[in-house]
Amino acid sequence: MARDTILFDINETVLDLSSLKPKFETAFGDGSVISTWFASLLHTSTVCSLTNVETGFAALAGIALDNIAARRGMTLSEEQRSDILGGFASLQPHDDIIPALSALRSKGYRTVAFSNSSKDLITNQIKNAGLNDYFDRIISIEETGSFKPDAKVYVYGAAKLGRAVEDLRLVATHDWDTHGAMNAGLQAGYIDRTGAAYHPLFRRPDVYGTDMRDIVQQIMQEDGLIKEAV
């Protein structure tokens, strides 16, 4: 089977960020600030990719947090800051993740954690989420000096796996990530966890669903391993 290796975005796709909302509620008095913070983090990482600014995802996360506080006329204490950023390592998986990964691995697929975060952070995230037995590899793009959706990071992932890009598929809940993967030559699968419209100008994958189990079934159906999704 040519496409036997699937890359998974981690934050929001595999791991649920909602456990951080109480921490944002405590610090800002508004748990919804988490969405603004994460969007700002992703925006900044993309700007750094386009303008060749070499930095780490964790550093950008801290900067985004400080900027949001400044816009609200606040200064977070070191304790508040550490509580939020430290919580990133202890996120739990969405309920559909373990059944979906188990189904894939039972059919011989290799599963790969693939993230903008540092190798140390992803390793801790996977361990703390109880997912060590569900991923064959962990790949951080930190060595590239860039971030997703820069095409070179997907090519880097393929090189680390010793596979051609067209033999790989990325699954993510971010349309900019699935678009980026497809732009680099990978297949993709999009899981709609928010109900937000997929960007109409982005490449849209043929595998598209609202539950990771459905995504996995579609992949196996496309690869001829099952006759139809159930």
Protein backbone atom coordinates (compact mmCIF):
# COMPACT_ATOMS: atom_id res chain seq x y z
CA MET A 1 0.00 0.00 0.00
CA ALA A 2 1.67 3.20 -1.20
CA ARG A 3 -0.05 5.62 1.18
CA ASP A 4 0.42 3.69 4.39
CA THR A 5 1.75 6.63 6.43
CA ILE A 6 -0.46 9.38 7.79
CA LEU A 7 0.73 12.58 9.45
CA PHE A 8 -1.44 14.19 12.11
CA ASP A 9 -1.41 17.80 13.16
CA ILE A 10 -1.42 17.82 16.96
CA ASN A 11 -2.81 20.99 18.54
CA GLU A 12 -6.61 21.14 18.10
CA THR A 13 -6.60 18.23 15.64
CA VAL A 14 -5.51 15.51 18.08
CA LEU A 15 -5.36 17.40 21.37
CA ASP A 16 -8.22 19.44 22.80
CA LEU A 17 -7.28 23.01 23.71
CA SER A 18 -10.47 23.53 25.71
CA SER A 19 -8.77 22.48 28.95
CA LEU A 20 -6.84 25.76 28.76
CA LYS A 21 -10.02 27.86 28.86
CA PRO A 22 -10.23 27.94 32.68
CA LYS A 23 -6.67 29.23 32.77
CA PHE A 24 -7.58 32.03 30.36
CA GLU A 25 -10.70 32.70 32.40
CA THR A 26 -8.56 33.10 35.52
CA ALA A 27 -5.99 35.32 33.83
CA PHE A 28 -8.24 37.43 31.57
CA GLY A 29 -11.73 36.98 33.00
CA ASP A 30 -12.74 35.56 29.63
CA GLY A 31 -12.07 31.99 28.52
CA SER A 32 -12.79 32.80 24.88
CA VAL A 33 -9.51 34.72 24.70
CA ILE A 34 -7.90 31.36 23.97
CA SER A 35 -9.20 31.53 20.38
CA THR A 36 -7.72 34.98 19.83
CA TRP A 37 -4.42 33.87 21.32
CA PHE A 38 -4.11 30.73 19.19
CA ALA A 39 -5.09 32.61 16.01
CA SER A 40 -2.48 35.25 16.80
CA LEU A 41 0.12 32.55 17.38
CA LEU A 42 -0.61 30.95 14.00
CA HIS A 43 -0.62 34.33 12.24
CA THR A 44 2.76 35.24 13.71
CA SER A 45 4.31 31.87 12.85
CA THR A 46 3.20 32.31 9.22
CA VAL A 47 4.73 35.80 9.07
CA CYS A 48 7.98 34.41 10.46
CA SER A 49 7.96 31.70 7.79
CA LEU A 50 7.44 34.19 4.98
CA THR A 51 10.07 36.63 6.22
CA ASN A 52 12.71 34.11 7.32
CA VAL A 53 12.54 34.92 11.02
CA GLU A 54 13.97 31.93 12.87
CA THR A 55 12.34 31.33 16.23
CA GLY A 56 10.50 28.65 18.16
CA PHE A 57 6.77 28.01 18.44
CA ALA A 58 6.94 28.24 22.24
CA ALA A 59 8.58 31.67 22.07
CA LEU A 60 5.86 32.86 19.70
CA ALA A 61 3.18 31.48 22.02
CA GLY A 62 4.56 33.58 24.86
CA ILE A 63 4.81 36.69 22.70
CA ALA A 64 1.22 36.27 21.50
CA LEU A 65 0.05 35.90 25.09
CA ASP A 66 1.86 39.07 26.18
CA ASN A 67 0.50 41.02 23.21
CA ILE A 68 -3.08 40.08 24.00
CA ALA A 69 -2.60 41.10 27.61
CA ALA A 70 -1.10 44.44 26.51
CA ARG A 71 -4.07 45.15 24.23
CA ARG A 72 -6.31 44.64 27.24
CA GLY A 73 -4.22 46.97 29.37
CA MET A 74 -2.96 44.08 31.47
CA THR A 75 0.36 42.59 32.49
CA LEU A 76 0.26 38.91 33.29
CA SER A 77 2.17 37.72 36.31
CA GLU A 78 4.88 35.15 35.68
CA GLU A 79 2.69 32.63 37.50
CA GLN A 80 -0.28 33.29 35.21
CA ARG A 81 1.91 33.16 32.14
CA SER A 82 3.57 29.91 33.18
CA ASP A 83 0.24 28.36 34.10
CA ILE A 84 -1.16 28.95 30.61
CA LEU A 85 1.92 28.07 28.60
CA GLY A 86 2.75 25.09 30.81
CA GLY A 87 -0.74 23.73 30.33
CA PHE A 88 0.03 23.24 26.65
CA ALA A 89 2.02 20.13 27.54
CA SER A 90 -0.89 18.50 29.38
CA LEU A 91 -3.69 18.69 26.83
CA GLN A 92 -5.88 15.62 26.52
CA PRO A 93 -6.94 13.98 23.25
CA HIS A 94 -10.35 14.45 21.69
CA ASP A 95 -12.63 11.48 22.38
CA ASP A 96 -12.44 10.24 18.78
CA ILE A 97 -8.64 10.04 18.61
CA ILE A 98 -7.77 6.72 20.27
CA PRO A 99 -10.49 4.73 18.45
CA ALA A 100 -9.46 6.30 15.13
CA LEU A 101 -5.73 5.71 15.56
CA SER A 102 -6.38 2.17 16.78
CA ALA A 103 -8.41 1.45 13.64
CA LEU A 104 -5.66 2.77 11.40
CA ARG A 105 -2.90 0.83 13.09
CA SER A 106 -4.96 -2.37 12.96
CA LYS A 107 -4.92 -2.01 9.17
CA GLY A 108 -1.16 -1.54 9.01
CA TYR A 109 -0.93 2.24 8.74
CA ARG A 110 1.96 4.14 10.30
CA THR A 111 0.81 7.16 12.30
CA VAL A 112 3.02 10.22 12.71
CA ALA A 113 2.65 13.21 15.05
CA PHE A 114 3.63 16.24 12.97
CA SER A 115 3.67 19.68 14.56
CA ASN A 116 5.09 23.19 14.61
CA SER A 117 5.94 22.67 18.28
CA SER A 118 9.39 21.64 19.47
CA LYS A 119 10.33 17.97 19.61
CA ASP A 120 10.48 18.12 23.42
CA LEU A 121 7.00 19.66 23.67
CA ILE A 122 5.37 17.23 21.24
CA THR A 123 7.02 14.29 23.00
CA ASN A 124 5.66 15.49 26.35
CA GLN A 125 2.25 16.18 24.87
CA ILE A 126 1.96 12.69 23.39
CA LYS A 127 3.18 11.10 26.63
CA ASN A 128 0.90 13.14 28.91
CA ALA A 129 -2.09 12.48 26.66
CA GLY A 130 -1.52 8.73 26.91
CA LEU A 131 -0.85 8.42 23.19
CA ASN A 132 2.64 6.89 23.14
CA ASP A 133 1.25 3.59 21.90
CA TYR A 134 -0.72 5.22 19.10
CA PHE A 135 2.03 7.04 17.20
CA ASP A 136 4.94 5.41 15.40
CA ARG A 137 6.92 8.61 14.93
CA ILE A 138 7.06 12.15 16.25
CA ILE A 139 8.31 14.83 13.88
CA SER A 140 8.84 18.46 14.81
CA ILE A 141 9.59 20.93 12.05
CA GLU A 142 11.83 23.02 14.34
CA GLU A 143 14.98 22.01 12.42
CA THR A 144 13.63 23.64 9.24
CA GLY A 145 13.67 27.15 10.71
CA SER A 146 10.12 27.58 9.43
CA PHE A 147 6.55 26.57 10.21
CA LYS A 148 3.56 25.01 8.51
CA PRO A 149 2.15 25.80 5.94
CA ASP A 150 5.54 26.51 4.32
CA ALA A 151 5.95 23.79 1.66
CA LYS A 152 9.45 22.96 2.78
CA VAL A 153 8.30 21.67 6.16
CA TYR A 154 6.08 19.02 4.55
CA VAL A 155 8.96 18.04 2.26
CA TYR A 156 11.14 17.84 5.36
CA GLY A 157 8.63 15.50 7.00
CA ALA A 158 8.63 13.26 3.95
CA ALA A 159 12.44 13.18 3.94
CA LYS A 160 12.52 12.22 7.62
CA LEU A 161 10.18 9.34 6.83
CA GLY A 162 12.05 8.32 3.70
CA ARG A 163 8.91 8.64 1.60
CA ALA A 164 7.83 10.63 -1.43
CA VAL A 165 5.45 13.47 -0.59
CA GLU A 166 2.73 11.99 -2.81
CA ASP A 167 2.78 8.83 -0.67
CA LEU A 168 1.83 10.76 2.46
CA ARG A 169 -1.39 12.22 3.80
CA LEU A 170 -1.80 14.94 6.43
CA VAL A 171 -4.89 15.10 8.63
CA ALA A 172 -5.63 18.42 10.30
CA THR A 173 -8.46 20.58 11.59
CA HIS A 174 -6.87 23.68 10.05
CA ASP A 175 -7.70 24.47 6.43
CA TRP A 176 -4.44 26.39 6.01
CA ASP A 177 -2.59 23.21 7.03
CA THR A 178 -4.43 20.85 4.69
CA HIS A 179 -4.07 23.44 1.92
CA GLY A 180 -0.36 23.75 2.66
CA ALA A 181 0.13 19.99 2.61
CA MET A 182 -1.69 19.62 -0.70
CA ASN A 183 0.27 22.53 -2.15
CA ALA A 184 3.46 20.61 -1.27
CA GLY A 185 2.18 17.47 -3.00
CA LEU A 186 0.69 15.48 -0.11
CA GLN A 187 -2.81 14.09 0.14
CA ALA A 188 -4.87 15.51 3.01
CA GLY A 189 -7.88 14.96 5.21
CA TYR A 190 -9.78 17.75 6.96
CA ILE A 191 -11.68 17.30 10.21
CA ASP A 192 -14.17 20.09 10.87
CA ARG A 193 -14.13 20.52 14.64
CA THR A 194 -15.52 24.07 14.73
CA GLY A 195 -18.20 24.34 12.06
CA ALA A 196 -16.34 27.25 10.45
CA ALA A 197 -16.50 27.33 6.65
CA TYR A 198 -13.51 25.87 4.84
CA HIS A 199 -11.67 28.71 3.11
CA PRO A 200 -13.07 28.86 -0.44
CA LEU A 201 -9.72 29.82 -1.98
CA PHE A 202 -7.79 26.93 -0.43
CA ARG A 203 -7.32 23.48 -1.91
CA ARG A 204 -9.95 21.23 -0.41
CA PRO A 205 -9.15 17.57 0.32
CA ASP A 206 -11.42 14.78 -0.81
CA VAL A 207 -11.44 13.33 2.72
CA TYR A 208 -13.58 15.66 4.83
CA GLY A 209 -15.60 15.00 7.98
CA THR A 210 -16.55 16.12 11.48
CA ASP A 211 -15.24 13.13 13.43
CA MET A 212 -11.81 11.51 13.29
CA ARG A 213 -13.36 8.05 13.06
CA ASP A 214 -15.22 9.14 9.94
CA ILE A 215 -12.00 10.57 8.50
CA VAL A 216 -10.19 7.28 9.10
CA GLN A 217 -12.99 5.25 7.54
CA GLN A 218 -12.94 7.46 4.45
CA ILE A 219 -9.18 7.01 4.15
CA MET A 220 -9.43 3.24 4.43
CA GLN A 221 -12.29 3.20 1.95
CA GLU A 222 -10.28 5.29 -0.52
CA ASP A 223 -7.31 2.95 -0.11
CA GLY A 224 -9.53 -0.07 -0.73
CA LEU A 225 -9.23 -1.54 2.77
CA ILE A 226 -12.95 -1.38 3.50
CA LYS A 227 -15.86 -1.39 1.06
CA GLU A 228 -17.76 1.51 2.56
CA ALA A 229 -17.70 3.87 5.51
CA VAL A 230 -19.81 2.76 8.47
